[in-house]
Amino acid sequence: MTPTTAPAGLDAVILDYNGVIGLQPTTAQWLRLARTALWPEDDLPAFQNAFWTARTAYDAGHLSDLAYWATVLAHHPGARRLRELRDADTDMWTSTDDRVVDVLHHAHESGLPLVLLSNAPRHLSDVLDRRPWRRLMTHAFYSARLQVCKPDPAAYQHAMNATDADPHRVLFVDDRVDNCHAARRLGLRTLHYTGRPTDLAAAQQPSN
């Protein structure tokens, strides 16, 4: 990688995982997880609400797998069910958008440094680190390891430090508006990703 091969005016890209590289879970995956939790299948919205209630603390590494699922279920699952819940949960977040991965391959080949910044619990972080696309990233930062989640400025600072670049020459990509707003306040360029890989490719092109 040399400065002359990266797109003009852009020194690095910081990317979210879920909703950008990773696909959102399908209804079938949510139902599989609800069944694993022994939750009534006709009450999926209530299960999803329980799932998200303590998710920030789990993603930030403040809750263990057991503590998180005990909060979701309002009781402690046994060891076997805990493993099944963790595996089904992790499976929901590991499908990737091949179109986005192709865009990242081109960026990597151009010499543009790519940094991952994801809100993810520890087990999922370990699984993502073993995925082939992970090799495209010069660095990967996960909230459970940082002990802080986006949109806390401290999470962004780790990724920004890794780029060793002027924030105005770094593009931050996320599917959540609040995360983009937080990045913009820190001086980063932002792309609110809405599921169109062509937008991501265009944002990485040299300026005229």
C-alpha atoms as a PDB file:
ATOM      1  CA  MET A   1       0.000   0.000   0.000  1.00  0.00           C
ATOM      2  CA  THR A   2       1.308   3.438  -0.973  1.00  0.00           C
ATOM      3  CA  PRO A   3      -0.362   6.856  -0.811  1.00  0.00           C
ATOM      4  CA  THR A   4      -0.321   7.066  -4.629  1.00  0.00           C
ATOM      5  CA  THR A   5      -2.499   3.968  -5.096  1.00  0.00           C
ATOM      6  CA  ALA A   6      -5.316   4.978  -2.727  1.00  0.00           C
ATOM      7  CA  PRO A   7      -8.135   7.212  -4.020  1.00  0.00           C
ATOM      8  CA  ALA A   8      -7.213  10.888  -4.036  1.00  0.00           C
ATOM      9  CA  GLY A   9      -8.490  12.741  -0.978  1.00  0.00           C
ATOM     10  CA  LEU A  10      -9.257   9.580   0.984  1.00  0.00           C
ATOM     11  CA  ASP A  11      -6.716   7.900   3.255  1.00  0.00           C
ATOM     12  CA  ALA A  12      -8.824   5.175   4.920  1.00  0.00           C
ATOM     13  CA  VAL A  13     -12.332   3.768   5.385  1.00  0.00           C
ATOM     14  CA  ILE A  14     -13.866   2.727   8.711  1.00  0.00           C
ATOM     15  CA  LEU A  15     -16.758   0.288   8.243  1.00  0.00           C
ATOM     16  CA  ASP A  16     -19.546  -1.042  10.377  1.00  0.00           C
ATOM     17  CA  TYR A  17     -20.234  -4.769  10.059  1.00  0.00           C
ATOM     18  CA  ASN A  18     -23.927  -5.535  10.513  1.00  0.00           C
ATOM     19  CA  GLY A  19     -26.092  -3.810   7.944  1.00  0.00           C
ATOM     20  CA  VAL A  20     -23.084  -3.026   5.728  1.00  0.00           C
ATOM     21  CA  ILE A  21     -20.862  -6.080   5.254  1.00  0.00           C
ATOM     22  CA  GLY A  22     -23.213  -8.358   7.155  1.00  0.00           C
ATOM     23  CA  LEU A  23     -26.811  -8.994   6.122  1.00  0.00           C
ATOM     24  CA  GLN A  24     -29.669  -8.388   8.529  1.00  0.00           C
ATOM     25  CA  PRO A  25     -31.182 -11.554  10.025  1.00  0.00           C
ATOM     26  CA  THR A  26     -34.108 -13.142   8.221  1.00  0.00           C
ATOM     27  CA  THR A  27     -37.432 -13.871   9.862  1.00  0.00           C
ATOM     28  CA  ALA A  28     -36.565 -17.584   9.662  1.00  0.00           C
ATOM     29  CA  GLN A  29     -33.383 -16.962  11.668  1.00  0.00           C
ATOM     30  CA  TRP A  30     -35.266 -14.960  14.290  1.00  0.00           C
ATOM     31  CA  LEU A  31     -37.818 -17.756  14.586  1.00  0.00           C
ATOM     32  CA  ARG A  32     -35.063 -20.350  14.967  1.00  0.00           C
ATOM     33  CA  LEU A  33     -33.585 -18.343  17.821  1.00  0.00           C
ATOM     34  CA  ALA A  34     -37.000 -17.875  19.450  1.00  0.00           C
ATOM     35  CA  ARG A  35     -37.656 -21.621  19.223  1.00  0.00           C
ATOM     36  CA  THR A  36     -34.253 -22.310  20.781  1.00  0.00           C
ATOM     37  CA  ALA A  37     -35.235 -19.973  23.603  1.00  0.00           C
ATOM     38  CA  LEU A  38     -38.550 -21.899  23.971  1.00  0.00           C
ATOM     39  CA  TRP A  39     -40.358 -18.635  23.257  1.00  0.00           C
ATOM     40  CA  PRO A  40     -43.877 -18.822  21.739  1.00  0.00           C
ATOM     41  CA  GLU A  41     -43.438 -18.436  17.960  1.00  0.00           C
ATOM     42  CA  ASP A  42     -46.610 -16.339  17.702  1.00  0.00           C
ATOM     43  CA  ASP A  43     -45.030 -13.712  19.972  1.00  0.00           C
ATOM     44  CA  LEU A  44     -41.877 -12.920  17.982  1.00  0.00           C
ATOM     45  CA  PRO A  45     -42.064  -9.106  18.550  1.00  0.00           C
ATOM     46  CA  ALA A  46     -41.982  -9.630  22.321  1.00  0.00           C
ATOM     47  CA  PHE A  47     -38.971 -11.909  21.946  1.00  0.00           C
ATOM     48  CA  GLN A  48     -37.171  -9.347  19.804  1.00  0.00           C
ATOM     49  CA  ASN A  49     -37.916  -6.645  22.367  1.00  0.00           C
ATOM     50  CA  ALA A  50     -36.441  -8.814  25.135  1.00  0.00           C
ATOM     51  CA  PHE A  51     -33.463  -9.623  22.894  1.00  0.00           C
ATOM     52  CA  TRP A  52     -32.606  -5.951  22.351  1.00  0.00           C
ATOM     53  CA  THR A  53     -33.277  -4.682  25.873  1.00  0.00           C
ATOM     54  CA  ALA A  54     -29.886  -5.757  27.260  1.00  0.00           C
ATOM     55  CA  ARG A  55     -28.038  -6.002  23.957  1.00  0.00           C
ATOM     56  CA  THR A  56     -25.951  -2.837  24.326  1.00  0.00           C
ATOM     57  CA  ALA A  57     -24.511  -4.053  27.620  1.00  0.00           C
ATOM     58  CA  TYR A  58     -23.832  -7.469  26.058  1.00  0.00           C
ATOM     59  CA  ASP A  59     -22.198  -5.962  22.986  1.00  0.00           C
ATOM     60  CA  ALA A  60     -20.050  -3.781  25.242  1.00  0.00           C
ATOM     61  CA  GLY A  61     -18.730  -6.832  27.065  1.00  0.00           C
ATOM     62  CA  HIS A  62     -20.442  -5.874  30.332  1.00  0.00           C
ATOM     63  CA  LEU A  63     -22.552  -9.044  30.403  1.00  0.00           C
ATOM     64  CA  SER A  64     -21.427 -12.639  29.959  1.00  0.00           C
ATOM     65  CA  ASP A  65     -23.317 -14.986  27.645  1.00  0.00           C
ATOM     66  CA  LEU A  66     -25.103 -16.412  30.675  1.00  0.00           C
ATOM     67  CA  ALA A  67     -25.982 -13.021  32.177  1.00  0.00           C
ATOM     68  CA  TYR A  68     -27.316 -11.762  28.859  1.00  0.00           C
ATOM     69  CA  TRP A  69     -29.536 -14.733  28.138  1.00  0.00           C
ATOM     70  CA  ALA A  70     -30.725 -14.895  31.723  1.00  0.00           C
ATOM     71  CA  THR A  71     -31.874 -11.284  31.275  1.00  0.00           C
ATOM     72  CA  VAL A  72     -33.620 -12.040  27.971  1.00  0.00           C
ATOM     73  CA  LEU A  73     -35.380 -15.147  29.277  1.00  0.00           C
ATOM     74  CA  ALA A  74     -35.881 -13.967  32.885  1.00  0.00           C
ATOM     75  CA  HIS A  75     -34.313 -17.223  34.062  1.00  0.00           C
ATOM     76  CA  HIS A  76     -30.969 -18.993  33.757  1.00  0.00           C
ATOM     77  CA  PRO A  77     -30.806 -21.440  30.849  1.00  0.00           C
ATOM     78  CA  GLY A  78     -28.896 -24.645  31.353  1.00  0.00           C
ATOM     79  CA  ALA A  79     -25.402 -25.052  29.933  1.00  0.00           C
ATOM     80  CA  ARG A  80     -26.574 -26.937  26.846  1.00  0.00           C
ATOM     81  CA  ARG A  81     -29.343 -24.467  26.008  1.00  0.00           C
ATOM     82  CA  LEU A  82     -26.954 -21.577  26.577  1.00  0.00           C
ATOM     83  CA  ARG A  83     -24.585 -22.991  23.952  1.00  0.00           C
ATOM     84  CA  GLU A  84     -27.496 -23.505  21.545  1.00  0.00           C
ATOM     85  CA  LEU A  85     -28.717 -19.944  22.095  1.00  0.00           C
ATOM     86  CA  ARG A  86     -25.264 -18.484  21.553  1.00  0.00           C
ATOM     87  CA  ASP A  87     -24.749 -20.533  18.387  1.00  0.00           C
ATOM     88  CA  ALA A  88     -28.149 -19.602  16.925  1.00  0.00           C
ATOM     89  CA  ASP A  89     -27.584 -15.951  17.824  1.00  0.00           C
ATOM     90  CA  THR A  90     -24.144 -15.927  16.218  1.00  0.00           C
ATOM     91  CA  ASP A  91     -25.476 -17.622  13.088  1.00  0.00           C
ATOM     92  CA  MET A  92     -27.918 -14.744  12.578  1.00  0.00           C
ATOM     93  CA  TRP A  93     -25.099 -12.251  12.125  1.00  0.00           C
ATOM     94  CA  THR A  94     -22.600 -14.103   9.939  1.00  0.00           C
ATOM     95  CA  SER A  95     -24.224 -13.954   6.481  1.00  0.00           C
ATOM     96  CA  THR A  96     -22.462 -11.365   4.332  1.00  0.00           C
ATOM     97  CA  ASP A  97     -23.427  -9.304   1.303  1.00  0.00           C
ATOM     98  CA  ASP A  98     -21.152 -10.587  -1.480  1.00  0.00           C
ATOM     99  CA  ARG A  99     -21.682  -7.368  -3.430  1.00  0.00           C
ATOM    100  CA  VAL A 100     -20.209  -5.333  -0.587  1.00  0.00           C
ATOM    101  CA  VAL A 101     -17.333  -7.766  -0.151  1.00  0.00           C
ATOM    102  CA  ASP A 102     -16.538  -7.319  -3.866  1.00  0.00           C
ATOM    103  CA  VAL A 103     -16.390  -3.534  -3.390  1.00  0.00           C
ATOM    104  CA  LEU A 104     -14.048  -4.012  -0.436  1.00  0.00           C
ATOM    105  CA  HIS A 105     -11.822  -6.323  -2.468  1.00  0.00           C
ATOM    106  CA  HIS A 106     -11.390  -3.579  -5.060  1.00  0.00           C
ATOM    107  CA  ALA A 107     -10.652  -0.999  -2.368  1.00  0.00           C
ATOM    108  CA  HIS A 108      -8.111  -3.293  -0.743  1.00  0.00           C
ATOM    109  CA  GLU A 109      -6.414  -3.944  -4.073  1.00  0.00           C
ATOM    110  CA  SER A 110      -6.163  -0.180  -4.664  1.00  0.00           C
ATOM    111  CA  GLY A 111      -4.200   0.166  -1.431  1.00  0.00           C
ATOM    112  CA  LEU A 112      -6.976   1.858   0.556  1.00  0.00           C
ATOM    113  CA  PRO A 113      -6.746   0.835   4.250  1.00  0.00           C
ATOM    114  CA  LEU A 114      -9.989  -0.633   5.619  1.00  0.00           C
ATOM    115  CA  VAL A 115     -10.797  -0.696   9.342  1.00  0.00           C
ATOM    116  CA  LEU A 116     -13.722  -2.564  10.911  1.00  0.00           C
ATOM    117  CA  LEU A 117     -15.605  -0.983  13.823  1.00  0.00           C
ATOM    118  CA  SER A 118     -18.473  -3.159  15.003  1.00  0.00           C
ATOM    119  CA  ASN A 119     -20.794  -3.421  17.963  1.00  0.00           C
ATOM    120  CA  ALA A 120     -20.543  -7.158  18.603  1.00  0.00           C
ATOM    121  CA  PRO A 121     -20.354  -9.500  21.611  1.00  0.00           C
ATOM    122  CA  ARG A 122     -17.161 -11.409  22.247  1.00  0.00           C
ATOM    123  CA  HIS A 123     -18.095 -14.778  20.748  1.00  0.00           C
ATOM    124  CA  LEU A 124     -19.376 -13.206  17.533  1.00  0.00           C
ATOM    125  CA  SER A 125     -16.185 -11.124  17.338  1.00  0.00           C
ATOM    126  CA  ASP A 126     -14.092 -14.289  17.445  1.00  0.00           C
ATOM    127  CA  VAL A 127     -16.191 -15.883  14.686  1.00  0.00           C
ATOM    128  CA  LEU A 128     -16.002 -12.806  12.432  1.00  0.00           C
ATOM    129  CA  ASP A 129     -12.235 -12.688  12.811  1.00  0.00           C
ATOM    130  CA  ARG A 130     -12.060 -16.118  11.139  1.00  0.00           C
ATOM    131  CA  ARG A 131     -14.094 -15.120   8.072  1.00  0.00           C
ATOM    132  CA  PRO A 132     -12.209 -14.771   4.741  1.00  0.00           C
ATOM    133  CA  TRP A 133     -13.273 -11.125   4.231  1.00  0.00           C
ATOM    134  CA  ARG A 134     -11.639 -10.208   7.542  1.00  0.00           C
ATOM    135  CA  ARG A 135      -8.242 -10.400   5.795  1.00  0.00           C
ATOM    136  CA  LEU A 136      -9.210  -7.291   3.839  1.00  0.00           C
ATOM    137  CA  MET A 137      -9.129  -5.270   7.053  1.00  0.00           C
ATOM    138  CA  THR A 138      -5.927  -3.741   8.356  1.00  0.00           C
ATOM    139  CA  HIS A 139      -7.526  -3.567  11.816  1.00  0.00           C
ATOM    140  CA  ALA A 140     -10.765  -4.776  13.413  1.00  0.00           C
ATOM    141  CA  PHE A 141     -12.283  -3.297  16.547  1.00  0.00           C
ATOM    142  CA  TYR A 142     -15.233  -4.882  18.352  1.00  0.00           C
ATOM    143  CA  SER A 143     -17.229  -3.293  21.141  1.00  0.00           C
ATOM    144  CA  ALA A 144     -16.921  -6.271  23.499  1.00  0.00           C
ATOM    145  CA  ARG A 145     -13.130  -6.021  23.342  1.00  0.00           C
ATOM    146  CA  LEU A 146     -13.146  -2.213  23.591  1.00  0.00           C
ATOM    147  CA  GLN A 147     -15.743  -2.305  26.408  1.00  0.00           C
ATOM    148  CA  VAL A 148     -17.625   0.507  24.672  1.00  0.00           C
ATOM    149  CA  CYS A 149     -20.217   0.692  21.876  1.00  0.00           C
ATOM    150  CA  LYS A 150     -20.868   3.128  19.080  1.00  0.00           C
ATOM    151  CA  PRO A 151     -22.000   5.886  19.155  1.00  0.00           C
ATOM    152  CA  ASP A 152     -19.731   6.567  22.144  1.00  0.00           C
ATOM    153  CA  PRO A 153     -16.853   8.734  20.826  1.00  0.00           C
ATOM    154  CA  ALA A 154     -14.320   6.464  22.549  1.00  0.00           C
ATOM    155  CA  ALA A 155     -15.219   3.618  20.182  1.00  0.00           C
ATOM    156  CA  TYR A 156     -14.485   5.748  17.133  1.00  0.00           C
ATOM    157  CA  GLN A 157     -11.234   7.004  18.587  1.00  0.00           C
ATOM    158  CA  HIS A 158      -9.716   3.519  18.557  1.00  0.00           C
ATOM    159  CA  ALA A 159     -10.447   3.145  14.852  1.00  0.00           C
ATOM    160  CA  MET A 160      -9.322   6.681  14.057  1.00  0.00           C
ATOM    161  CA  ASN A 161      -6.019   6.124  15.834  1.00  0.00           C
ATOM    162  CA  ALA A 162      -5.458   2.983  13.771  1.00  0.00           C
ATOM    163  CA  THR A 163      -5.778   4.920  10.508  1.00  0.00           C
ATOM    164  CA  ASP A 164      -3.132   7.467  11.553  1.00  0.00           C
ATOM    165  CA  ALA A 165      -4.880   9.897   9.187  1.00  0.00           C
ATOM    166  CA  ASP A 166      -6.606  13.266   9.300  1.00  0.00           C
ATOM    167  CA  PRO A 167     -10.269  12.516  10.187  1.00  0.00           C
ATOM    168  CA  HIS A 168     -11.398  14.650   7.234  1.00  0.00           C
ATOM    169  CA  ARG A 169      -9.629  12.177   4.946  1.00  0.00           C
ATOM    170  CA  VAL A 170     -11.310   9.121   6.506  1.00  0.00           C
ATOM    171  CA  LEU A 171     -14.726   7.803   5.434  1.00  0.00           C
ATOM    172  CA  PHE A 172     -16.987   6.208   8.050  1.00  0.00           C
ATOM    173  CA  VAL A 173     -19.720   3.860   6.777  1.00  0.00           C
ATOM    174  CA  ASP A 174     -22.661   2.687   8.903  1.00  0.00           C
ATOM    175  CA  ASP A 175     -26.302   1.780   8.389  1.00  0.00           C
ATOM    176  CA  ARG A 176     -27.399   3.684  11.511  1.00  0.00           C
ATOM    177  CA  VAL A 177     -27.959   7.423  11.332  1.00  0.00           C
ATOM    178  CA  ASP A 178     -27.032   8.022  14.978  1.00  0.00           C
ATOM    179  CA  ASN A 179     -23.666   6.326  14.465  1.00  0.00           C
ATOM    180  CA  CYS A 180     -23.013   8.485  11.404  1.00  0.00           C
ATOM    181  CA  HIS A 181     -23.939  11.651  13.279  1.00  0.00           C
ATOM    182  CA  ALA A 182     -21.498  10.757  16.063  1.00  0.00           C
ATOM    183  CA  ALA A 183     -18.740  10.135  13.515  1.00  0.00           C
ATOM    184  CA  ARG A 184     -19.419  13.438  11.772  1.00  0.00           C
ATOM    185  CA  ARG A 185     -19.078  15.292  15.072  1.00  0.00           C
ATOM    186  CA  LEU A 186     -15.569  13.840  15.335  1.00  0.00           C
ATOM    187  CA  GLY A 187     -14.655  15.230  11.928  1.00  0.00           C
ATOM    188  CA  LEU A 188     -15.014  12.046   9.869  1.00  0.00           C
ATOM    189  CA  ARG A 189     -16.625  11.919   6.460  1.00  0.00           C
ATOM    190  CA  THR A 190     -19.702   9.708   6.613  1.00  0.00           C
ATOM    191  CA  LEU A 191     -21.825   7.518   4.394  1.00  0.00           C
ATOM    192  CA  HIS A 192     -25.189   6.446   5.775  1.00  0.00           C
ATOM    193  CA  TYR A 193     -25.389   3.063   4.082  1.00  0.00           C
ATOM    194  CA  THR A 194     -28.855   2.090   2.877  1.00  0.00           C
ATOM    195  CA  GLY A 195     -28.119  -1.225   1.180  1.00  0.00           C
ATOM    196  CA  ARG A 196     -26.741  -0.041  -2.158  1.00  0.00           C
ATOM    197  CA  PRO A 197     -23.161  -1.232  -2.787  1.00  0.00           C
ATOM    198  CA  THR A 198     -22.867   1.270  -5.651  1.00  0.00           C
ATOM    199  CA  ASP A 199     -23.057   4.081  -3.074  1.00  0.00           C
ATOM    200  CA  LEU A 200     -20.155   2.552  -1.180  1.00  0.00           C
ATOM    201  CA  ALA A 201     -18.113   2.128  -4.346  1.00  0.00           C
ATOM    202  CA  ALA A 202     -18.797   5.709  -5.433  1.00  0.00           C
ATOM    203  CA  ALA A 203     -17.800   7.119  -2.026  1.00  0.00           C
ATOM    204  CA  GLN A 204     -14.386   5.487  -2.373  1.00  0.00           C
ATOM    205  CA  GLN A 205     -13.659   6.857  -5.833  1.00  0.00           C
ATOM    206  CA  PRO A 206     -11.057   9.607  -6.370  1.00  0.00           C
ATOM    207  CA  SER A 207     -12.376  13.137  -6.194  1.00  0.00           C
ATOM    208  CA  ASN A 208     -12.432  15.150  -9.399  1.00  0.00           C
END
